[in-house]
PDB file of N, CA and C in Angstrom:
ATOM      1  N   GLY A   1     -10.518  11.500   3.959  1.00  0.00           N
ATOM      2  CA  GLY A   1     -11.761  11.677   3.220  1.00  0.00           C
ATOM      3  C   GLY A   1     -11.769  10.899   1.909  1.00  0.00           C
ATOM      4  N   GLU A   2     -12.776  11.132   1.112  1.00  0.00           N
ATOM      5  CA  GLU A   2     -12.949  10.424  -0.152  1.00  0.00           C
ATOM      6  C   GLU A   2     -11.786  10.644  -1.111  1.00  0.00           C
ATOM      7  N   MET A   3     -11.359  11.891  -1.233  1.00  0.00           N
ATOM      8  CA  MET A   3     -10.279  12.228  -2.164  1.00  0.00           C
ATOM      9  C   MET A   3      -9.025  11.410  -1.879  1.00  0.00           C
ATOM     10  N   MET A   4      -8.694  11.289  -0.606  1.00  0.00           N
ATOM     11  CA  MET A   4      -7.448  10.623  -0.238  1.00  0.00           C
ATOM     12  C   MET A   4      -7.433   9.167  -0.660  1.00  0.00           C
ATOM     13  N   SER A   5      -8.527   8.451  -0.444  1.00  0.00           N
ATOM     14  CA  SER A   5      -8.524   7.037  -0.798  1.00  0.00           C
ATOM     15  C   SER A   5      -8.408   6.844  -2.310  1.00  0.00           C
ATOM     16  N   SER A   6      -9.013   7.736  -3.098  1.00  0.00           N
ATOM     17  CA  SER A   6      -8.872   7.598  -4.546  1.00  0.00           C
ATOM     18  C   SER A   6      -7.437   7.916  -4.968  1.00  0.00           C
ATOM     19  N   ASP A   7      -6.783   8.841  -4.270  1.00  0.00           N
ATOM     20  CA  ASP A   7      -5.362   9.117  -4.529  1.00  0.00           C
ATOM     21  C   ASP A   7      -4.516   7.889  -4.221  1.00  0.00           C
ATOM     22  N   SER A   8      -4.828   7.210  -3.135  1.00  0.00           N
ATOM     23  CA  SER A   8      -4.104   6.002  -2.754  1.00  0.00           C
ATOM     24  C   SER A   8      -4.258   4.922  -3.816  1.00  0.00           C
ATOM     25  N   MET A   9      -5.474   4.758  -4.304  1.00  0.00           N
ATOM     26  CA  MET A   9      -5.732   3.768  -5.345  1.00  0.00           C
ATOM     27  C   MET A   9      -5.012   4.134  -6.642  1.00  0.00           C
ATOM     28  N   ALA A  10      -5.005   5.420  -6.977  1.00  0.00           N
ATOM     29  CA  ALA A  10      -4.320   5.878  -8.191  1.00  0.00           C
ATOM     30  C   ALA A  10      -2.822   5.592  -8.079  1.00  0.00           C
ATOM     31  N   TRP A  11      -2.271   5.872  -6.888  1.00  0.00           N
ATOM     32  CA  TRP A  11      -0.849   5.606  -6.651  1.00  0.00           C
ATOM     33  C   TRP A  11      -0.574   4.105  -6.790  1.00  0.00           C
ATOM     34  N   LEU A  12      -1.432   3.292  -6.155  1.00  0.00           N
ATOM     35  CA  LEU A  12      -1.255   1.842  -6.196  1.00  0.00           C
ATOM     36  C   LEU A  12      -1.287   1.334  -7.635  1.00  0.00           C
ATOM     37  N   ASN A  13      -2.262   1.780  -8.398  1.00  0.00           N
ATOM     38  CA  ASN A  13      -2.383   1.319  -9.781  1.00  0.00           C
ATOM     39  C   ASN A  13      -1.156   1.694 -10.601  1.00  0.00           C
ATOM     40  N   ARG A  14      -0.600   2.879 -10.328  1.00  0.00           N
ATOM     41  CA  ARG A  14       0.628   3.312 -10.995  1.00  0.00           C
ATOM     42  C   ARG A  14       1.784   2.377 -10.622  1.00  0.00           C
ATOM     43  N   ARG A  15       1.911   2.084  -9.335  1.00  0.00           N
ATOM     44  CA  ARG A  15       3.002   1.214  -8.875  1.00  0.00           C
ATOM     45  C   ARG A  15       2.846  -0.207  -9.421  1.00  0.00           C
ATOM     46  N   LEU A  16       1.622  -0.706  -9.461  1.00  0.00           N
ATOM     47  CA  LEU A  16       1.377  -2.049  -9.993  1.00  0.00           C
ATOM     48  C   LEU A  16       1.787  -2.118 -11.454  1.00  0.00           C
ATOM     49  N   SER A  17       1.541  -1.040 -12.169  1.00  0.00           N
ATOM     50  CA  SER A  17       1.918  -0.962 -13.574  1.00  0.00           C
ATOM     51  C   SER A  17       3.438  -0.894 -13.733  1.00  0.00           C
ATOM     52  N   ILE A  18       4.076   0.006 -12.984  1.00  0.00           N
ATOM     53  CA  ILE A  18       5.528   0.199 -13.050  1.00  0.00           C
ATOM     54  C   ILE A  18       6.268  -1.091 -12.676  1.00  0.00           C
ATOM     55  N   SER A  19       5.798  -1.747 -11.640  1.00  0.00           N
ATOM     56  CA  SER A  19       6.480  -2.946 -11.141  1.00  0.00           C
ATOM     57  C   SER A  19       6.082  -4.206 -11.915  1.00  0.00           C
ATOM     58  N   LYS A  20       5.199  -4.049 -12.899  1.00  0.00           N
ATOM     59  CA  LYS A  20       4.742  -5.161 -13.744  1.00  0.00           C
ATOM     60  C   LYS A  20       3.952  -6.214 -12.965  1.00  0.00           C
ATOM     61  N   ILE A  21       3.427  -5.839 -11.814  1.00  0.00           N
ATOM     62  CA  ILE A  21       2.606  -6.774 -11.032  1.00  0.00           C
ATOM     63  C   ILE A  21       1.201  -6.813 -11.636  1.00  0.00           C
ATOM     64  N   GLY A  22       0.713  -5.640 -11.985  1.00  0.00           N
ATOM     65  CA  GLY A  22      -0.525  -5.545 -12.748  1.00  0.00           C
ATOM     66  C   GLY A  22      -1.805  -5.444 -11.936  1.00  0.00           C
ATOM     67  N   THR A  23      -2.050  -6.430 -11.085  1.00  0.00           N
ATOM     68  CA  THR A  23      -3.332  -6.447 -10.375  1.00  0.00           C
ATOM     69  C   THR A  23      -3.161  -6.616  -8.872  1.00  0.00           C
ATOM     70  N   LEU A  24      -4.214  -6.260  -8.152  1.00  0.00           N
ATOM     71  CA  LEU A  24      -4.228  -6.419  -6.703  1.00  0.00           C
ATOM     72  C   LEU A  24      -4.122  -7.907  -6.333  1.00  0.00           C
ATOM     73  N   SER A  25      -4.730  -8.771  -7.148  1.00  0.00           N
ATOM     74  CA  SER A  25      -4.646 -10.221  -6.901  1.00  0.00           C
ATOM     75  C   SER A  25      -3.203 -10.705  -6.974  1.00  0.00           C
ATOM     76  N   ASN A  26      -2.472 -10.198  -7.968  1.00  0.00           N
ATOM     77  CA  ASN A  26      -1.060 -10.570  -8.099  1.00  0.00           C
ATOM     78  C   ASN A  26      -0.254 -10.048  -6.922  1.00  0.00           C
ATOM     79  N   LEU A  27      -0.549  -8.827  -6.484  1.00  0.00           N
ATOM     80  CA  LEU A  27       0.143  -8.245  -5.334  1.00  0.00           C
ATOM     81  C   LEU A  27      -0.132  -9.078  -4.083  1.00  0.00           C
ATOM     82  N   ALA A  28      -1.374  -9.495  -3.919  1.00  0.00           N
ATOM     83  CA  ALA A  28      -1.751 -10.341  -2.776  1.00  0.00           C
ATOM     84  C   ALA A  28      -0.965 -11.649  -2.793  1.00  0.00           C
ATOM     85  N   ARG A  29      -0.885 -12.261  -3.969  1.00  0.00           N
ATOM     86  CA  ARG A  29      -0.154 -13.523  -4.104  1.00  0.00           C
ATOM     87  C   ARG A  29       1.329 -13.324  -3.795  1.00  0.00           C
ATOM     88  N   LEU A  30       1.868 -12.243  -4.306  1.00  0.00           N
ATOM     89  CA  LEU A  30       3.288 -11.938  -4.156  1.00  0.00           C
ATOM     90  C   LEU A  30       3.673 -11.657  -2.703  1.00  0.00           C
ATOM     91  N   THR A  31       2.810 -10.960  -1.986  1.00  0.00           N
ATOM     92  CA  THR A  31       3.137 -10.520  -0.627  1.00  0.00           C
ATOM     93  C   THR A  31       2.576 -11.453   0.439  1.00  0.00           C
ATOM     94  N   GLY A  32       1.653 -12.335   0.054  1.00  0.00           N
ATOM     95  CA  GLY A  32       1.006 -13.204   1.030  1.00  0.00           C
ATOM     96  C   GLY A  32       0.007 -12.457   1.900  1.00  0.00           C
ATOM     97  N   ILE A  33      -0.373 -11.254   1.462  1.00  0.00           N
ATOM     98  CA  ILE A  33      -1.354 -10.454   2.204  1.00  0.00           C
ATOM     99  C   ILE A  33      -2.706 -10.614   1.497  1.00  0.00           C
ATOM    100  N   ASN A  34      -3.730 -10.882   2.278  1.00  0.00           N
ATOM    101  CA  ASN A  34      -5.075 -11.065   1.734  1.00  0.00           C
ATOM    102  C   ASN A  34      -5.498  -9.894   0.847  1.00  0.00           C
ATOM    103  N   LYS A  35      -6.090 -10.213  -0.310  1.00  0.00           N
ATOM    104  CA  LYS A  35      -6.495  -9.175  -1.267  1.00  0.00           C
ATOM    105  C   LYS A  35      -7.486  -8.190  -0.659  1.00  0.00           C
ATOM    106  N   GLY A  36      -8.422  -8.712   0.120  1.00  0.00           N
ATOM    107  CA  GLY A  36      -9.410  -7.853   0.775  1.00  0.00           C
ATOM    108  C   GLY A  36      -8.749  -6.890   1.763  1.00  0.00           C
ATOM    109  N   THR A  37      -7.739  -7.389   2.453  1.00  0.00           N
ATOM    110  CA  THR A  37      -6.992  -6.562   3.401  1.00  0.00           C
ATOM    111  C   THR A  37      -6.231  -5.469   2.662  1.00  0.00           C
ATOM    112  N   LEU A  38      -5.572  -5.834   1.561  1.00  0.00           N
ATOM    113  CA  LEU A  38      -4.865  -4.842   0.744  1.00  0.00           C
ATOM    114  C   LEU A  38      -5.822  -3.756   0.276  1.00  0.00           C
ATOM    115  N   SER A  39      -6.975  -4.179  -0.170  1.00  0.00           N
ATOM    116  CA  SER A  39      -7.984  -3.250  -0.646  1.00  0.00           C
ATOM    117  C   SER A  39      -8.375  -2.260   0.449  1.00  0.00           C
ATOM    118  N   LYS A  40      -8.537  -2.767   1.676  1.00  0.00           N
ATOM    119  CA  LYS A  40      -8.876  -1.893   2.810  1.00  0.00           C
ATOM    120  C   LYS A  40      -7.774  -0.869   3.073  1.00  0.00           C
ATOM    121  N   TYR A  41      -6.506  -1.295   2.983  1.00  0.00           N
ATOM    122  CA  TYR A  41      -5.393  -0.362   3.186  1.00  0.00           C
ATOM    123  C   TYR A  41      -5.495   0.794   2.193  1.00  0.00           C
ATOM    124  N   PHE A  42      -5.686   0.445   0.906  1.00  0.00           N
ATOM    125  CA  PHE A  42      -5.636   1.459  -0.136  1.00  0.00           C
ATOM    126  C   PHE A  42      -6.938   2.240  -0.266  1.00  0.00           C
ATOM    127  N   HIS A  43      -8.007   1.739   0.350  1.00  0.00           N
ATOM    128  CA  HIS A  43      -9.238   2.523   0.404  1.00  0.00           C
ATOM    129  C   HIS A  43      -9.320   3.321   1.702  1.00  0.00           C
ATOM    130  N   GLY A  44      -8.288   3.169   2.531  1.00  0.00           N
ATOM    131  CA  GLY A  44      -8.211   3.973   3.755  1.00  0.00           C
ATOM    132  C   GLY A  44      -9.127   3.517   4.869  1.00  0.00           C
ATOM    133  N   THR A  45      -9.657   2.300   4.774  1.00  0.00           N
ATOM    134  CA  THR A  45     -10.559   1.832   5.823  1.00  0.00           C
ATOM    135  C   THR A  45      -9.835   1.012   6.881  1.00  0.00           C
ATOM    136  N   GLN A  46      -8.572   0.680   6.619  1.00  0.00           N
ATOM    137  CA  GLN A  46      -7.776  -0.059   7.607  1.00  0.00           C
ATOM    138  C   GLN A  46      -6.332   0.409   7.545  1.00  0.00           C
ATOM    139  N   ARG A  47      -5.729   0.584   8.731  1.00  0.00           N
ATOM    140  CA  ARG A  47      -4.317   0.978   8.779  1.00  0.00           C
ATOM    141  C   ARG A  47      -3.445  -0.252   8.570  1.00  0.00           C
ATOM    142  N   PRO A  48      -2.384  -0.122   7.773  1.00  0.00           N
ATOM    143  CA  PRO A  48      -1.484  -1.262   7.597  1.00  0.00           C
ATOM    144  C   PRO A  48      -0.700  -1.540   8.877  1.00  0.00           C
ATOM    145  N   SER A  49      -0.540  -2.813   9.218  1.00  0.00           N
ATOM    146  CA  SER A  49       0.301  -3.143  10.370  1.00  0.00           C
ATOM    147  C   SER A  49       1.757  -3.091   9.923  1.00  0.00           C
ATOM    148  N   ILE A  50       2.642  -2.924  10.867  1.00  0.00           N
ATOM    149  CA  ILE A  50       4.052  -2.697  10.566  1.00  0.00           C
ATOM    150  C   ILE A  50       4.663  -3.862   9.774  1.00  0.00           C
ATOM    151  N   ASP A  51       4.189  -5.083  10.007  1.00  0.00           N
ATOM    152  CA  ASP A  51       4.788  -6.238   9.338  1.00  0.00           C
ATOM    153  C   ASP A  51       4.426  -6.376   7.852  1.00  0.00           C
ATOM    154  N   VAL A  52       3.438  -5.610   7.375  1.00  0.00           N
ATOM    155  CA  VAL A  52       3.115  -5.671   5.941  1.00  0.00           C
ATOM    156  C   VAL A  52       3.877  -4.622   5.135  1.00  0.00           C
ATOM    157  N   VAL A  53       4.480  -3.654   5.836  1.00  0.00           N
ATOM    158  CA  VAL A  53       5.153  -2.557   5.136  1.00  0.00           C
ATOM    159  C   VAL A  53       6.312  -3.058   4.282  1.00  0.00           C
ATOM    160  N   GLU A  54       7.166  -3.905   4.866  1.00  0.00           N
ATOM    161  CA  GLU A  54       8.339  -4.370   4.121  1.00  0.00           C
ATOM    162  C   GLU A  54       7.987  -5.179   2.864  1.00  0.00           C
ATOM    163  N   PRO A  55       7.093  -6.205   2.985  1.00  0.00           N
ATOM    164  CA  PRO A  55       6.740  -6.939   1.765  1.00  0.00           C
ATOM    165  C   PRO A  55       6.093  -6.062   0.696  1.00  0.00           C
ATOM    166  N   LEU A  56       5.280  -5.100   1.112  1.00  0.00           N
ATOM    167  CA  LEU A  56       4.657  -4.197   0.139  1.00  0.00           C
ATOM    168  C   LEU A  56       5.694  -3.319  -0.541  1.00  0.00           C
ATOM    169  N   CYS A  57       6.632  -2.806   0.248  1.00  0.00           N
ATOM    170  CA  CYS A  57       7.689  -1.957  -0.324  1.00  0.00           C
ATOM    171  C   CYS A  57       8.559  -2.743  -1.297  1.00  0.00           C
ATOM    172  N   THR A  58       8.874  -3.983  -0.936  1.00  0.00           N
ATOM    173  CA  THR A  58       9.683  -4.834  -1.802  1.00  0.00           C
ATOM    174  C   THR A  58       8.955  -5.091  -3.121  1.00  0.00           C
ATOM    175  N   ALA A  59       7.681  -5.445  -3.024  1.00  0.00           N
ATOM    176  CA  ALA A  59       6.894  -5.758  -4.215  1.00  0.00           C
ATOM    177  C   ALA A  59       6.704  -4.531  -5.110  1.00  0.00           C
ATOM    178  N   LEU A  60       6.440  -3.387  -4.480  1.00  0.00           N
ATOM    179  CA  LEU A  60       6.099  -2.176  -5.243  1.00  0.00           C
ATOM    180  C   LEU A  60       7.305  -1.286  -5.529  1.00  0.00           C
ATOM    181  N   HIS A  61       8.489  -1.728  -5.112  1.00  0.00           N
ATOM    182  CA  HIS A  61       9.727  -0.972  -5.348  1.00  0.00           C
ATOM    183  C   HIS A  61       9.622   0.470  -4.864  1.00  0.00           C
ATOM    184  N   CYS A  62       9.262   0.628  -3.603  1.00  0.00           N
ATOM    185  CA  CYS A  62       9.177   1.980  -3.041  1.00  0.00           C
ATOM    186  C   CYS A  62       9.701   1.948  -1.611  1.00  0.00           C
ATOM    187  N   SER A  63       9.957   3.114  -1.062  1.00  0.00           N
ATOM    188  CA  SER A  63      10.427   3.199   0.319  1.00  0.00           C
ATOM    189  C   SER A  63       9.238   3.123   1.273  1.00  0.00           C
ATOM    190  N   PRO A  64       9.489   2.717   2.523  1.00  0.00           N
ATOM    191  CA  PRO A  64       8.400   2.702   3.508  1.00  0.00           C
ATOM    192  C   PRO A  64       7.728   4.073   3.630  1.00  0.00           C
ATOM    193  N   GLU A  65       8.532   5.126   3.594  1.00  0.00           N
ATOM    194  CA  GLU A  65       7.978   6.480   3.706  1.00  0.00           C
ATOM    195  C   GLU A  65       7.008   6.770   2.571  1.00  0.00           C
ATOM    196  N   THR A  66       7.418   6.406   1.351  1.00  0.00           N
ATOM    197  CA  THR A  66       6.561   6.617   0.180  1.00  0.00           C
ATOM    198  C   THR A  66       5.264   5.835   0.303  1.00  0.00           C
ATOM    199  N   LEU A  67       5.375   4.581   0.715  1.00  0.00           N
ATOM    200  CA  LEU A  67       4.188   3.737   0.882  1.00  0.00           C
ATOM    201  C   LEU A  67       3.232   4.331   1.911  1.00  0.00           C
ATOM    202  N   LEU A  68       3.780   4.710   3.068  1.00  0.00           N
ATOM    203  CA  LEU A  68       2.931   5.223   4.145  1.00  0.00           C
ATOM    204  C   LEU A  68       2.302   6.564   3.784  1.00  0.00           C
ATOM    205  N   ARG A  69       3.036   7.387   3.034  1.00  0.00           N
ATOM    206  CA  ARG A  69       2.435   8.628   2.542  1.00  0.00           C
ATOM    207  C   ARG A  69       1.295   8.330   1.575  1.00  0.00           C
ATOM    208  N   ALA A  70       1.513   7.353   0.705  1.00  0.00           N
ATOM    209  CA  ALA A  70       0.483   6.980  -0.264  1.00  0.00           C
ATOM    210  C   ALA A  70      -0.771   6.474   0.449  1.00  0.00           C
ATOM    211  N   LEU A  71      -0.562   5.793   1.572  1.00  0.00           N
ATOM    212  CA  LEU A  71      -1.680   5.252   2.343  1.00  0.00           C
ATOM    213  C   LEU A  71      -2.226   6.260   3.353  1.00  0.00           C
ATOM    214  N   ASN A  72      -1.683   7.487   3.332  1.00  0.00           N
ATOM    215  CA  ASN A  72      -2.074   8.504   4.303  1.00  0.00           C
ATOM    216  C   ASN A  72      -1.921   8.011   5.736  1.00  0.00           C
ATOM    217  N   ALA A  73      -0.875   7.203   5.941  1.00  0.00           N
ATOM    218  CA  ALA A  73      -0.645   6.625   7.272  1.00  0.00           C
ATOM    219  C   ALA A  73       0.626   7.189   7.881  1.00  0.00           C
ATOM    220  N   TYR A  74       1.143   8.261   7.269  1.00  0.00           N
ATOM    221  CA  TYR A  74       2.446   8.762   7.677  1.00  0.00           C
ATOM    222  C   TYR A  74       2.378   9.760   8.829  1.00  0.00           C
ATOM    223  N   SER A  75       1.225   9.859   9.480  1.00  0.00           N
ATOM    224  CA  SER A  75       1.110  10.765  10.614  1.00  0.00           C
ATOM    225  C   SER A  75       1.688  10.147  11.883  1.00  0.00           C
ATOM    226  N   VAL A  76       2.120   8.891  11.763  1.00  0.00           N
ATOM    227  CA  VAL A  76       2.659   8.167  12.914  1.00  0.00           C
ATOM    228  C   VAL A  76       4.006   8.764  13.326  1.00  0.00           C
ATOM    229  N   LYS A  77       4.114   9.077  14.597  1.00  0.00           N
ATOM    230  CA  LYS A  77       5.380   9.614  15.126  1.00  0.00           C
ATOM    231  C   LYS A  77       6.365   8.461  15.310  1.00  0.00           C
ATOM    232  N   ARG A  78       7.588   8.663  14.845  1.00  0.00           N
ATOM    233  CA  ARG A  78       8.591   7.614  15.005  1.00  0.00           C
ATOM    234  C   ARG A  78       9.163   7.675  16.423  1.00  0.00           C
ATOM    235  N   LYS A  79       9.340   6.486  17.016  1.00  0.00           N
ATOM    236  CA  LYS A  79      10.027   6.437  18.314  1.00  0.00           C
ATOM    237  C   LYS A  79      11.516   6.413  18.041  1.00  0.00           C
ATOM    238  N   SER A  80      12.269   7.202  18.829  1.00  0.00           N
ATOM    239  CA  SER A  80      13.715   7.261  18.568  1.00  0.00           C
ATOM    240  C   SER A  80      14.434   6.086  19.222  1.00  0.00           C
TER     241      SER A  80
END
């Protein structure tokens, strides 16, 4: 819902600040992921594909679990 996407954005802005990246444009440049696509992830309108998780985690200094929880995408069942 609406609340969740604003939580995701709040989390992202905090991480951008902590990691000294600052802006979504800088994150896009750093990760090679389109800014519009990043925006969709954090607004909850698009699920992140598995190949963007690692670069995002590296850039934002967080674990995949933390990232996916922030994106409300952690309902995915892990295959053993």
